[in-house]
């Protein structure tokens, strides 16, 4: 009986102990133990995920590098093209400056020669012709000769005198030299007015105001050339010129009621005459603006800094 009791107690103890262990195994683990187990599991899985992350990062670096290289290439290309464009514009400006200098040098030389020739014709040839006419008149008065040949000689001398005076005036107007630009331009309007076209003159500048000689000659020949273009090409019946000063600038406004033209095609059709005018104006750092429409006439405005 004692042995049976011991066996039963042993069996009971074993059963209770096993149930206790099972209960302990099935019992929920504490949070700290869970974290430890999770860290151990993550350590087991981490190498594979790390490789994937490293590969993804490498792909991103390669992609960014390619994009960066493309951006740098385009920046370099645009910089190169911009530099080439600047060089082209610089070369064009240099060529234009050289051309303007050549034109202005030719104009200056021409104006100097014109002045010399005009002075020579007026001071020498005209004086000689006047002297011959005076002696001839004195001779005929003293001898009381009324020869037809002498009368013809007087007429020829007078005609030669008038032709030389007109030539001298065309080269360098006497009014321009003696009385200044304003008087000379007013006279230019009167001389170009005829039955086909009428030029009206207006000026807010005093008639007796004088500028330096080179400035007056440049302005006079610019206006003279523009008048010539109006007469030859515009078929206008009326022309107007206005002069005034504004903000230390000399302003010339010229208008005609002629046939006009397309200003968009001006650069294609402009001749050497207009190039000469532009060269004269640019030399004095001035501006030239032209507004024209077919059958609506042409307006030209010239703005040149006043000489000091």
C-alpha atoms as a PDB file:
ATOM      1  CA  UNK A   1       0.000   0.000   0.000  1.00  0.00           C
ATOM      2  CA  UNK A   2       2.828   2.348   0.780  1.00  0.00           C
ATOM      3  CA  UNK A   3       4.447   1.692  -2.587  1.00  0.00           C
ATOM      4  CA  UNK A   4       1.169   2.350  -4.358  1.00  0.00           C
ATOM      5  CA  UNK A   5       0.779   5.649  -2.499  1.00  0.00           C
ATOM      6  CA  UNK A   6       4.328   6.725  -3.446  1.00  0.00           C
ATOM      7  CA  UNK A   7       3.677   5.829  -7.093  1.00  0.00           C
ATOM      8  CA  UNK A   8       0.424   7.785  -7.144  1.00  0.00           C
ATOM      9  CA  UNK A   9       2.015  10.810  -5.506  1.00  0.00           C
ATOM     10  CA  UNK A  10       4.866  10.659  -7.996  1.00  0.00           C
ATOM     11  CA  UNK A  11       2.479  10.428 -10.904  1.00  0.00           C
ATOM     12  CA  UNK A  12       0.412  13.299  -9.536  1.00  0.00           C
ATOM     13  CA  UNK A  13       3.508  15.468  -9.064  1.00  0.00           C
ATOM     14  CA  UNK A  14       4.719  14.660 -12.549  1.00  0.00           C
ATOM     15  CA  UNK A  15       1.328  15.512 -14.034  1.00  0.00           C
ATOM     16  CA  UNK A  16       1.071  18.780 -12.154  1.00  0.00           C
ATOM     17  CA  UNK A  17       4.662  19.744 -13.025  1.00  0.00           C
ATOM     18  CA  UNK A  18       4.118  19.009 -16.716  1.00  0.00           C
ATOM     19  CA  UNK A  19       0.946  21.033 -16.772  1.00  0.00           C
ATOM     20  CA  UNK A  20       2.770  23.873 -15.087  1.00  0.00           C
ATOM     21  CA  UNK A  21       5.534  23.795 -17.705  1.00  0.00           C
ATOM     22  CA  UNK A  22       2.978  23.716 -20.490  1.00  0.00           C
ATOM     23  CA  UNK A  23       1.173  26.606 -18.949  1.00  0.00           C
ATOM     24  CA  UNK A  24       4.437  28.499 -18.674  1.00  0.00           C
ATOM     25  CA  UNK A  25       5.228  27.789 -22.334  1.00  0.00           C
ATOM     26  CA  UNK A  26       1.752  28.891 -23.497  1.00  0.00           C
ATOM     27  CA  UNK A  27       1.745  31.946 -21.228  1.00  0.00           C
ATOM     28  CA  UNK A  28       2.221  35.312 -23.069  1.00  0.00           C
ATOM     29  CA  UNK A  29       5.830  36.629 -22.927  1.00  0.00           C
ATOM     30  CA  UNK A  30       6.658  39.982 -21.368  1.00  0.00           C
ATOM     31  CA  UNK A  31       7.233  42.998 -23.724  1.00  0.00           C
ATOM     32  CA  UNK A  32      10.970  43.135 -23.015  1.00  0.00           C
ATOM     33  CA  UNK A  33      11.328  39.501 -24.037  1.00  0.00           C
ATOM     34  CA  UNK A  34       9.335  40.228 -27.200  1.00  0.00           C
ATOM     35  CA  UNK A  35      11.734  43.095 -28.139  1.00  0.00           C
ATOM     36  CA  UNK A  36      14.730  40.815 -27.615  1.00  0.00           C
ATOM     37  CA  UNK A  37      13.184  38.127 -29.803  1.00  0.00           C
ATOM     38  CA  UNK A  38      12.244  40.709 -32.496  1.00  0.00           C
ATOM     39  CA  UNK A  39      15.818  42.053 -32.520  1.00  0.00           C
ATOM     40  CA  UNK A  40      17.150  38.527 -32.882  1.00  0.00           C
ATOM     41  CA  UNK A  41      14.743  37.852 -35.762  1.00  0.00           C
ATOM     42  CA  UNK A  42      15.630  41.194 -37.433  1.00  0.00           C
ATOM     43  CA  UNK A  43      19.295  40.282 -37.141  1.00  0.00           C
ATOM     44  CA  UNK A  44      18.570  37.106 -38.974  1.00  0.00           C
ATOM     45  CA  UNK A  45      16.617  38.918 -41.778  1.00  0.00           C
ATOM     46  CA  UNK A  46      18.780  42.134 -41.925  1.00  0.00           C
ATOM     47  CA  UNK A  47      21.527  40.986 -44.351  1.00  0.00           C
ATOM     48  CA  UNK A  48      19.085  40.363 -47.237  1.00  0.00           C
ATOM     49  CA  UNK A  49      17.166  43.608 -46.681  1.00  0.00           C
ATOM     50  CA  UNK A  50      20.448  45.541 -46.379  1.00  0.00           C
ATOM     51  CA  UNK A  51      21.576  44.256 -49.755  1.00  0.00           C
ATOM     52  CA  UNK A  52      18.285  45.347 -51.330  1.00  0.00           C
ATOM     53  CA  UNK A  53      18.548  48.795 -49.719  1.00  0.00           C
ATOM     54  CA  UNK A  54      22.164  49.127 -50.894  1.00  0.00           C
ATOM     55  CA  UNK A  55      21.194  48.189 -54.459  1.00  0.00           C
ATOM     56  CA  UNK A  56      18.303  50.700 -54.441  1.00  0.00           C
ATOM     57  CA  UNK A  57      20.607  53.415 -53.131  1.00  0.00           C
ATOM     58  CA  UNK A  58      23.190  52.653 -55.810  1.00  0.00           C
ATOM     59  CA  UNK A  59      20.515  52.859 -58.512  1.00  0.00           C
ATOM     60  CA  UNK A  60      19.427  56.272 -57.210  1.00  0.00           C
ATOM     61  CA  UNK A  61      23.021  57.527 -57.144  1.00  0.00           C
ATOM     62  CA  UNK A  62      23.591  56.338 -60.724  1.00  0.00           C
ATOM     63  CA  UNK A  63      20.333  57.961 -61.900  1.00  0.00           C
ATOM     64  CA  UNK A  64      21.176  61.252 -60.199  1.00  0.00           C
ATOM     65  CA  UNK A  65      24.669  61.145 -61.630  1.00  0.00           C
ATOM     66  CA  UNK A  66      23.299  60.653 -65.157  1.00  0.00           C
ATOM     67  CA  UNK A  67      20.808  63.514 -64.711  1.00  0.00           C
ATOM     68  CA  UNK A  68      23.573  65.736 -63.317  1.00  0.00           C
ATOM     69  CA  UNK A  69      25.863  64.937 -66.257  1.00  0.00           C
ATOM     70  CA  UNK A  70      23.050  65.725 -68.726  1.00  0.00           C
ATOM     71  CA  UNK A  71      22.326  69.049 -66.973  1.00  0.00           C
ATOM     72  CA  UNK A  72      26.029  69.968 -66.971  1.00  0.00           C
ATOM     73  CA  UNK A  73      26.250  69.063 -70.667  1.00  0.00           C
ATOM     74  CA  UNK A  74      23.297  71.279 -71.573  1.00  0.00           C
ATOM     75  CA  UNK A  75      24.624  74.113 -69.418  1.00  0.00           C
ATOM     76  CA  UNK A  76      27.975  73.845 -71.131  1.00  0.00           C
ATOM     77  CA  UNK A  77      26.274  73.731 -74.553  1.00  0.00           C
ATOM     78  CA  UNK A  78      24.154  76.810 -73.812  1.00  0.00           C
ATOM     79  CA  UNK A  79      27.186  78.619 -72.419  1.00  0.00           C
ATOM     80  CA  UNK A  80      29.163  77.754 -75.557  1.00  0.00           C
ATOM     81  CA  UNK A  81      26.332  78.884 -77.852  1.00  0.00           C
ATOM     82  CA  UNK A  82      25.875  82.095 -75.851  1.00  0.00           C
ATOM     83  CA  UNK A  83      29.593  82.789 -76.053  1.00  0.00           C
ATOM     84  CA  UNK A  84      29.573  82.153 -79.812  1.00  0.00           C
ATOM     85  CA  UNK A  85      26.599  84.519 -80.211  1.00  0.00           C
ATOM     86  CA  UNK A  86      28.370  87.223 -78.191  1.00  0.00           C
ATOM     87  CA  UNK A  87      31.488  86.818 -80.336  1.00  0.00           C
ATOM     88  CA  UNK A  88      29.376  87.042 -83.502  1.00  0.00           C
ATOM     89  CA  UNK A  89      27.626  90.211 -82.278  1.00  0.00           C
ATOM     90  CA  UNK A  90      30.974  91.671 -81.249  1.00  0.00           C
ATOM     91  CA  UNK A  91      32.455  90.971 -84.691  1.00  0.00           C
ATOM     92  CA  UNK A  92      29.368  92.468 -86.345  1.00  0.00           C
ATOM     93  CA  UNK A  93      29.593  95.595 -84.170  1.00  0.00           C
ATOM     94  CA  UNK A  94      33.294  95.898 -84.965  1.00  0.00           C
ATOM     95  CA  UNK A  95      32.618  95.623 -88.700  1.00  0.00           C
ATOM     96  CA  UNK A  96      29.827  98.189 -88.417  1.00  0.00           C
ATOM     97  CA  UNK A  97      32.083 100.588 -86.503  1.00  0.00           C
ATOM     98  CA  UNK A  98      34.823 100.175 -89.108  1.00  0.00           C
ATOM     99  CA  UNK A  99      32.313 100.794 -91.914  1.00  0.00           C
ATOM    100  CA  UNK A 100      30.939 103.871 -90.143  1.00  0.00           C
ATOM    101  CA  UNK A 101      34.461 105.173 -89.568  1.00  0.00           C
ATOM    102  CA  UNK A 102      35.274 104.691 -93.260  1.00  0.00           C
ATOM    103  CA  UNK A 103      32.056 106.443 -94.326  1.00  0.00           C
ATOM    104  CA  UNK A 104      32.606 109.296 -91.865  1.00  0.00           C
ATOM    105  CA  UNK A 105      36.230 109.662 -92.922  1.00  0.00           C
ATOM    106  CA  UNK A 106      35.084 109.931 -96.545  1.00  0.00           C
ATOM    107  CA  UNK A 107      32.379 112.425 -95.599  1.00  0.00           C
ATOM    108  CA  UNK A 108      34.799 114.550 -93.558  1.00  0.00           C
ATOM    109  CA  UNK A 109      37.324 114.563 -96.381  1.00  0.00           C
ATOM    110  CA  UNK A 110      34.610 115.435 -98.894  1.00  0.00           C
ATOM    111  CA  UNK A 111      33.309 118.291 -96.760  1.00  0.00           C
ATOM    112  CA  UNK A 112      36.805 119.694 -96.242  1.00  0.00           C
ATOM    113  CA  UNK A 113      37.442 119.560 -99.995  1.00  0.00           C
ATOM    114  CA  UNK A 114      34.082 121.131-100.720  1.00  0.00           C
ATOM    115  CA  UNK A 115      34.885 123.984 -98.380  1.00  0.00           C
ATOM    116  CA  UNK A 116      38.297 124.500 -99.989  1.00  0.00           C
ATOM    117  CA  UNK A 117      36.862 124.462-103.508  1.00  0.00           C
ATOM    118  CA  UNK A 118      34.001 126.773-102.552  1.00  0.00           C
ATOM    119  CA  UNK A 119      36.415 129.179-100.910  1.00  0.00           C
ATOM    120  CA  UNK A 120      38.719 129.071-103.935  1.00  0.00           C
ATOM    121  CA  UNK A 121      35.863 129.654-106.384  1.00  0.00           C
ATOM    122  CA  UNK A 122      34.378 132.485-104.345  1.00  0.00           C
ATOM    123  CA  UNK A 123      37.549 134.243-103.284  1.00  0.00           C
ATOM    124  CA  UNK A 124      39.630 133.795-106.423  1.00  0.00           C
ATOM    125  CA  UNK A 125      37.745 132.888-109.615  1.00  0.00           C
ATOM    126  CA  UNK A 126      34.699 135.045-108.890  1.00  0.00           C
ATOM    127  CA  UNK A 127      36.934 137.912-107.872  1.00  0.00           C
ATOM    128  CA  UNK A 128      38.889 137.613-111.127  1.00  0.00           C
ATOM    129  CA  UNK A 129      35.704 137.538-113.197  1.00  0.00           C
ATOM    130  CA  UNK A 130      34.354 140.546-111.322  1.00  0.00           C
ATOM    131  CA  UNK A 131      37.629 142.363-111.956  1.00  0.00           C
ATOM    132  CA  UNK A 132      37.496 141.559-115.696  1.00  0.00           C
ATOM    133  CA  UNK A 133      33.913 142.802-115.887  1.00  0.00           C
ATOM    134  CA  UNK A 134      34.849 146.007-114.058  1.00  0.00           C
ATOM    135  CA  UNK A 135      37.756 146.731-116.407  1.00  0.00           C
ATOM    136  CA  UNK A 136      35.582 145.981-119.432  1.00  0.00           C
ATOM    137  CA  UNK A 137      32.874 148.353-118.219  1.00  0.00           C
ATOM    138  CA  UNK A 138      35.481 151.039-117.557  1.00  0.00           C
ATOM    139  CA  UNK A 139      36.972 150.602-121.037  1.00  0.00           C
ATOM    140  CA  UNK A 140      33.597 150.833-122.807  1.00  0.00           C
ATOM    141  CA  UNK A 141      32.656 153.899-120.732  1.00  0.00           C
ATOM    142  CA  UNK A 142      35.920 155.706-121.525  1.00  0.00           C
ATOM    143  CA  UNK A 143      36.010 154.879-125.234  1.00  0.00           C
ATOM    144  CA  UNK A 144      32.264 155.027-125.737  1.00  0.00           C
ATOM    145  CA  UNK A 145      32.469 151.812-127.729  1.00  0.00           C
ATOM    146  CA  UNK A 146      29.140 150.042-128.330  1.00  0.00           C
ATOM    147  CA  UNK A 147      30.357 146.847-129.946  1.00  0.00           C
ATOM    148  CA  UNK A 148      28.098 143.809-130.094  1.00  0.00           C
ATOM    149  CA  UNK A 149      31.073 141.574-129.330  1.00  0.00           C
ATOM    150  CA  UNK A 150      31.819 143.492-126.130  1.00  0.00           C
ATOM    151  CA  UNK A 151      28.185 143.175-125.044  1.00  0.00           C
ATOM    152  CA  UNK A 152      28.353 139.403-125.648  1.00  0.00           C
ATOM    153  CA  UNK A 153      31.587 139.253-123.669  1.00  0.00           C
ATOM    154  CA  UNK A 154      29.913 141.049-120.756  1.00  0.00           C
ATOM    155  CA  UNK A 155      26.962 138.654-120.885  1.00  0.00           C
ATOM    156  CA  UNK A 156      29.288 135.612-120.913  1.00  0.00           C
ATOM    157  CA  UNK A 157      31.269 137.008-117.972  1.00  0.00           C
ATOM    158  CA  UNK A 158      28.074 137.593-116.010  1.00  0.00           C
ATOM    159  CA  UNK A 159      26.837 134.063-116.765  1.00  0.00           C
ATOM    160  CA  UNK A 160      30.161 132.550-115.726  1.00  0.00           C
ATOM    161  CA  UNK A 161      30.065 134.640-112.543  1.00  0.00           C
ATOM    162  CA  UNK A 162      26.536 133.418-111.715  1.00  0.00           C
ATOM    163  CA  UNK A 163      27.399 129.765-112.442  1.00  0.00           C
ATOM    164  CA  UNK A 164      30.463 129.873-110.204  1.00  0.00           C
ATOM    165  CA  UNK A 165      28.458 131.596-107.472  1.00  0.00           C
ATOM    166  CA  UNK A 166      25.797 128.867-107.633  1.00  0.00           C
ATOM    167  CA  UNK A 167      28.440 126.140-107.661  1.00  0.00           C
ATOM    168  CA  UNK A 168      30.150 127.708-104.689  1.00  0.00           C
ATOM    169  CA  UNK A 169      26.798 127.951-102.904  1.00  0.00           C
ATOM    170  CA  UNK A 170      26.037 124.287-103.586  1.00  0.00           C
ATOM    171  CA  UNK A 171      29.409 123.231-102.217  1.00  0.00           C
ATOM    172  CA  UNK A 172      29.175 125.348 -99.047  1.00  0.00           C
ATOM    173  CA  UNK A 173      26.300 127.846 -98.851  1.00  0.00           C
ATOM    174  CA  UNK A 174      27.397 131.403 -98.235  1.00  0.00           C
ATOM    175  CA  UNK A 175      24.499 131.902 -95.830  1.00  0.00           C
ATOM    176  CA  UNK A 176      25.680 128.931 -93.784  1.00  0.00           C
ATOM    177  CA  UNK A 177      29.171 130.361 -93.427  1.00  0.00           C
ATOM    178  CA  UNK A 178      28.123 133.964 -92.831  1.00  0.00           C
ATOM    179  CA  UNK A 179      24.815 133.761 -90.978  1.00  0.00           C
ATOM    180  CA  UNK A 180      24.533 130.246 -89.593  1.00  0.00           C
ATOM    181  CA  UNK A 181      22.506 127.069 -89.823  1.00  0.00           C
ATOM    182  CA  UNK A 182      18.984 128.420 -89.233  1.00  0.00           C
ATOM    183  CA  UNK A 183      19.220 131.021 -92.016  1.00  0.00           C
ATOM    184  CA  UNK A 184      20.790 128.451 -94.357  1.00  0.00           C
ATOM    185  CA  UNK A 185      18.038 125.850 -93.797  1.00  0.00           C
ATOM    186  CA  UNK A 186      15.318 128.445 -94.335  1.00  0.00           C
ATOM    187  CA  UNK A 187      17.009 129.436 -97.584  1.00  0.00           C
ATOM    188  CA  UNK A 188      17.238 125.734 -98.520  1.00  0.00           C
ATOM    189  CA  UNK A 189      13.449 125.445 -98.206  1.00  0.00           C
ATOM    190  CA  UNK A 190      12.916 128.511-100.398  1.00  0.00           C
ATOM    191  CA  UNK A 191      15.334 127.324-103.076  1.00  0.00           C
ATOM    192  CA  UNK A 192      13.774 123.850-103.274  1.00  0.00           C
ATOM    193  CA  UNK A 193      10.208 125.166-103.457  1.00  0.00           C
ATOM    194  CA  UNK A 194       8.798 125.189-106.991  1.00  0.00           C
ATOM    195  CA  UNK A 195       5.587 124.528-108.883  1.00  0.00           C
ATOM    196  CA  UNK A 196       5.792 120.785-108.102  1.00  0.00           C
ATOM    197  CA  UNK A 197       6.516 120.886-104.367  1.00  0.00           C
ATOM    198  CA  UNK A 198       6.391 123.416-101.561  1.00  0.00           C
ATOM    199  CA  UNK A 199       8.622 123.294 -98.482  1.00  0.00           C
ATOM    200  CA  UNK A 200       7.463 125.028 -95.295  1.00  0.00           C
ATOM    201  CA  UNK A 201       9.969 126.052 -92.635  1.00  0.00           C
ATOM    202  CA  UNK A 202       9.405 126.551 -88.903  1.00  0.00           C
ATOM    203  CA  UNK A 203      11.900 126.991 -86.093  1.00  0.00           C
ATOM    204  CA  UNK A 204      11.744 127.612 -82.349  1.00  0.00           C
ATOM    205  CA  UNK A 205      15.460 128.406 -82.371  1.00  0.00           C
ATOM    206  CA  UNK A 206      16.504 132.067 -82.793  1.00  0.00           C
ATOM    207  CA  UNK A 207      17.641 132.740 -86.367  1.00  0.00           C
ATOM    208  CA  UNK A 208      20.903 134.339 -85.256  1.00  0.00           C
ATOM    209  CA  UNK A 209      21.989 131.440 -83.025  1.00  0.00           C
ATOM    210  CA  UNK A 210      25.290 129.884 -84.094  1.00  0.00           C
ATOM    211  CA  UNK A 211      26.811 126.453 -83.474  1.00  0.00           C
ATOM    212  CA  UNK A 212      30.311 125.272 -84.259  1.00  0.00           C
ATOM    213  CA  UNK A 213      31.157 125.124 -87.954  1.00  0.00           C
ATOM    214  CA  UNK A 214      31.468 121.335 -88.310  1.00  0.00           C
ATOM    215  CA  UNK A 215      28.141 120.739 -86.561  1.00  0.00           C
ATOM    216  CA  UNK A 216      26.346 123.258 -88.787  1.00  0.00           C
ATOM    217  CA  UNK A 217      27.826 121.757 -91.951  1.00  0.00           C
ATOM    218  CA  UNK A 218      26.855 118.211 -90.915  1.00  0.00           C
ATOM    219  CA  UNK A 219      23.257 119.212 -90.124  1.00  0.00           C
ATOM    220  CA  UNK A 220      22.925 121.249 -93.316  1.00  0.00           C
ATOM    221  CA  UNK A 221      24.090 118.427 -95.592  1.00  0.00           C
ATOM    222  CA  UNK A 222      21.896 115.868 -93.775  1.00  0.00           C
ATOM    223  CA  UNK A 223      18.792 118.011 -94.383  1.00  0.00           C
ATOM    224  CA  UNK A 224      19.910 118.780 -97.939  1.00  0.00           C
ATOM    225  CA  UNK A 225      20.231 115.065 -98.725  1.00  0.00           C
ATOM    226  CA  UNK A 226      16.828 114.305 -97.188  1.00  0.00           C
ATOM    227  CA  UNK A 227      15.240 117.087 -99.252  1.00  0.00           C
ATOM    228  CA  UNK A 228      16.863 115.623-102.341  1.00  0.00           C
ATOM    229  CA  UNK A 229      15.339 112.205-101.553  1.00  0.00           C
ATOM    230  CA  UNK A 230      11.895 113.770-101.081  1.00  0.00           C
ATOM    231  CA  UNK A 231      12.110 115.588-104.403  1.00  0.00           C
ATOM    232  CA  UNK A 232      13.399 112.553-106.332  1.00  0.00           C
ATOM    233  CA  UNK A 233      11.448 109.659-104.846  1.00  0.00           C
ATOM    234  CA  UNK A 234       8.378 110.714-102.828  1.00  0.00           C
ATOM    235  CA  UNK A 235       6.120 112.377-105.441  1.00  0.00           C
ATOM    236  CA  UNK A 236       5.128 114.730-102.627  1.00  0.00           C
ATOM    237  CA  UNK A 237       3.334 118.035-103.100  1.00  0.00           C
ATOM    238  CA  UNK A 238       4.249 119.408 -99.711  1.00  0.00           C
ATOM    239  CA  UNK A 239       7.178 119.118 -97.338  1.00  0.00           C
ATOM    240  CA  UNK A 240       7.714 120.520 -93.858  1.00  0.00           C
ATOM    241  CA  UNK A 241      10.733 120.957 -91.605  1.00  0.00           C
ATOM    242  CA  UNK A 242      10.663 121.961 -87.933  1.00  0.00           C
ATOM    243  CA  UNK A 243      13.650 122.790 -85.741  1.00  0.00           C
ATOM    244  CA  UNK A 244      13.786 122.996 -81.955  1.00  0.00           C
ATOM    245  CA  UNK A 245      15.968 122.184 -78.959  1.00  0.00           C
ATOM    246  CA  UNK A 246      14.990 119.831 -76.135  1.00  0.00           C
ATOM    247  CA  UNK A 247      17.023 118.445 -73.220  1.00  0.00           C
ATOM    248  CA  UNK A 248      20.363 119.505 -74.730  1.00  0.00           C
ATOM    249  CA  UNK A 249      19.456 117.958 -78.084  1.00  0.00           C
ATOM    250  CA  UNK A 250      18.982 119.505 -81.511  1.00  0.00           C
ATOM    251  CA  UNK A 251      15.753 118.119 -83.012  1.00  0.00           C
ATOM    252  CA  UNK A 252      14.867 118.054 -86.716  1.00  0.00           C
ATOM    253  CA  UNK A 253      11.406 116.900 -87.787  1.00  0.00           C
ATOM    254  CA  UNK A 254      10.739 116.460 -91.517  1.00  0.00           C
ATOM    255  CA  UNK A 255       7.440 115.365 -93.041  1.00  0.00           C
ATOM    256  CA  UNK A 256       6.151 114.942 -96.589  1.00  0.00           C
ATOM    257  CA  UNK A 257       2.771 113.911 -98.022  1.00  0.00           C
ATOM    258  CA  UNK A 258       4.263 111.629-100.674  1.00  0.00           C
ATOM    259  CA  UNK A 259       3.671 108.001-101.563  1.00  0.00           C
ATOM    260  CA  UNK A 260       5.572 106.610 -98.574  1.00  0.00           C
ATOM    261  CA  UNK A 261       6.940 103.064 -98.294  1.00  0.00           C
ATOM    262  CA  UNK A 262       7.069  99.991 -96.076  1.00  0.00           C
ATOM    263  CA  UNK A 263       9.520 100.703 -93.253  1.00  0.00           C
ATOM    264  CA  UNK A 264       9.854  96.942 -92.619  1.00  0.00           C
ATOM    265  CA  UNK A 265      11.724  96.698 -95.931  1.00  0.00           C
ATOM    266  CA  UNK A 266      13.830  99.783 -95.264  1.00  0.00           C
ATOM    267  CA  UNK A 267      17.023  97.871 -94.481  1.00  0.00           C
ATOM    268  CA  UNK A 268      16.668  95.863 -97.681  1.00  0.00           C
ATOM    269  CA  UNK A 269      16.116  98.870 -99.951  1.00  0.00           C
ATOM    270  CA  UNK A 270      18.098 101.690 -98.348  1.00  0.00           C
ATOM    271  CA  UNK A 271      20.805 103.099-100.525  1.00  0.00           C
ATOM    272  CA  UNK A 272      24.169 104.614 -99.852  1.00  0.00           C
ATOM    273  CA  UNK A 273      22.568 108.029 -99.351  1.00  0.00           C
ATOM    274  CA  UNK A 274      20.676 106.884 -96.279  1.00  0.00           C
ATOM    275  CA  UNK A 275      23.744 105.045 -95.019  1.00  0.00           C
ATOM    276  CA  UNK A 276      25.697 108.288 -95.267  1.00  0.00           C
ATOM    277  CA  UNK A 277      22.993 110.085 -93.279  1.00  0.00           C
ATOM    278  CA  UNK A 278      23.028 107.369 -90.595  1.00  0.00           C
ATOM    279  CA  UNK A 279      26.833 107.561 -90.432  1.00  0.00           C
ATOM    280  CA  UNK A 280      26.748 111.334 -89.945  1.00  0.00           C
ATOM    281  CA  UNK A 281      24.141 111.048 -87.198  1.00  0.00           C
ATOM    282  CA  UNK A 282      25.888 108.180 -85.389  1.00  0.00           C
ATOM    283  CA  UNK A 283      29.148 110.108 -85.391  1.00  0.00           C
ATOM    284  CA  UNK A 284      27.431 112.703 -83.196  1.00  0.00           C
ATOM    285  CA  UNK A 285      25.737 109.942 -81.099  1.00  0.00           C
ATOM    286  CA  UNK A 286      22.330 110.915 -82.434  1.00  0.00           C
ATOM    287  CA  UNK A 287      19.271 108.912 -83.434  1.00  0.00           C
ATOM    288  CA  UNK A 288      17.237 108.658 -86.622  1.00  0.00           C
ATOM    289  CA  UNK A 289      13.638 107.425 -86.691  1.00  0.00           C
ATOM    290  CA  UNK A 290      11.542 106.963 -89.834  1.00  0.00           C
ATOM    291  CA  UNK A 291       7.777 106.417 -89.847  1.00  0.00           C
ATOM    292  CA  UNK A 292       6.137 105.768 -93.193  1.00  0.00           C
ATOM    293  CA  UNK A 293       3.152 103.970 -94.722  1.00  0.00           C
ATOM    294  CA  UNK A 294       2.192 103.565 -98.375  1.00  0.00           C
ATOM    295  CA  UNK A 295       0.155 106.543 -99.605  1.00  0.00           C
ATOM    296  CA  UNK A 296       0.376 108.222 -96.173  1.00  0.00           C
ATOM    297  CA  UNK A 297       3.647 110.090 -96.481  1.00  0.00           C
ATOM    298  CA  UNK A 298       6.850 109.876 -94.453  1.00  0.00           C
ATOM    299  CA  UNK A 299       7.939 111.413 -91.151  1.00  0.00           C
ATOM    300  CA  UNK A 300      11.598 111.604 -90.170  1.00  0.00           C
ATOM    301  CA  UNK A 301      12.902 112.676 -86.772  1.00  0.00           C
ATOM    302  CA  UNK A 302      16.569 113.344 -86.068  1.00  0.00           C
ATOM    303  CA  UNK A 303      17.843 113.901 -82.545  1.00  0.00           C
ATOM    304  CA  UNK A 304      21.464 114.962 -82.045  1.00  0.00           C
ATOM    305  CA  UNK A 305      23.190 116.099 -78.806  1.00  0.00           C
ATOM    306  CA  UNK A 306      24.070 119.791 -78.890  1.00  0.00           C
ATOM    307  CA  UNK A 307      27.787 120.539 -79.286  1.00  0.00           C
ATOM    308  CA  UNK A 308      29.556 122.019 -76.282  1.00  0.00           C
END
